[in-house]
Amino acid sequence: MKLPINPSLQKVPTYQPGRPIEEVARELGLPASNFIKLASNENPFGPSPLALAAMQKALPNLNLYPDGNTFYLKTKLADKLGVTPQHLIFGNGSNEIIEFTGHTLMQPGTEVVVSQYCFAVYPMMAAMFGANLVTVPAKDFGHDVPAMLAAITPKTRVIFVACPNNPTGTLAAREDIVQLINEVPENVLIAMDEAYIEFLTDAVDLLPLVRNGTKPNLLLMRTFSKIYGLAGLRIGYGIAHPDLVAAFEKVRQPFNVNALAQVAALAAFDDTEHVRKTRANNAHGLQFFESAFQQLHLEWIRSAANFVLVKVGDGQKIFGELQKQGVIVRPMSGYQLPQWIRISVGMPEENERCLAALKKSLGK
């Protein structure tokens, strides 16, 4: 091929998601009904029933473009969070919000600070926009916030912190988050990834800092993919100072949030019972896996999210063995953790099936 491909793309890996059930079923020549998927931190209850009903009602109007400004969703979310609509921007998943930071702040010669074992998309964005990635070694598989602060230089434009962190499930200490907010220079964006914040019972509330305008360099990123069960619709949002949101709006694609995603998210907000059930099931599932790993003498990382990381020896091999038994999990070699797999919390019967398959694969 003679096309002059952007040379910065040579450093960008192709993102490898959790494998879909249909793909694994085709590969192994088995019915899709034989499999369960505990690989992508999805909600085992599925979408909110209110969201399903809202989407059904919206189907006849899919010949029309969606609301390009997400007016109703933005208005409702602003009221819920106590901010103005000008503080909010919606994206095709929270991944697109991460991409907005690249368009607006990253360029060749600038620096992006991340923690080891960070979400794979942060380094991808840095590489895509030609920025230099500064990776700070993890502390107990989580963020070493003082070391990350020390890594900031005059070239730094963005520092990414996920609370809880994906893929490790670790949660930065409250005092570390306070230190981060207080000490990051005003010309560096603090991008706080809060994709799993709804699973926390005592989360650090950073909204007042956005609400009162005291931290215009703070961005909070959230999603409807996890606790709300709308991963297939790809809808997330950012909460930030109106000036930063206005900059993001200049790089946002027209109609980036589809019509079904908008009405589903609007309805899911009201389904507090769905959220309550999901949170309760998740707490039970984490306890189930942690107790089982302890009995099996397996090393695991205590998780604050809806998944758990466990050390199994050859992670890729165990991943393959589990697939043969109809259980899809996530191998972690792409995250520099080749001895580990990540298991999403499912329904109780799914968790039990996963554990039985894991025991068989480990010869236990």
Foldseek 3Di string as FASTA:
>chain_A
DPDPPDVLCVPADDDDAFDDLVVLCVVVVHDSVLFDEFAHQFQQVAADPLLVVLLVVCVVVQVDFADQLLVVLLCVVCVVLVAHSLQKDKFLALLVVLLLCLVQWAAAPAEEEEEQLADSSNVNSNSVRNHHYDYHYADLSADPLVRSLVPDDPRYAEYEHEALGPPAQDGDDPVSVVCNQVRDDLRHAYEYEDQFVLLAPDDDDPSVCQRVVVRQRYKYKYGCRHLNNPVVQRMIMIGHHSVSSVSSVVVGDGSRRGNSNSSSSVRSVPPVVSSVVSSVLQVVQLVVVVVLCVVVVWDWHRHSGQKTKTFQAQQVQLQVQVSVSNYHHAQCVVSVRRRITMGGRHGPVNSVSSSVSSCVSSVD
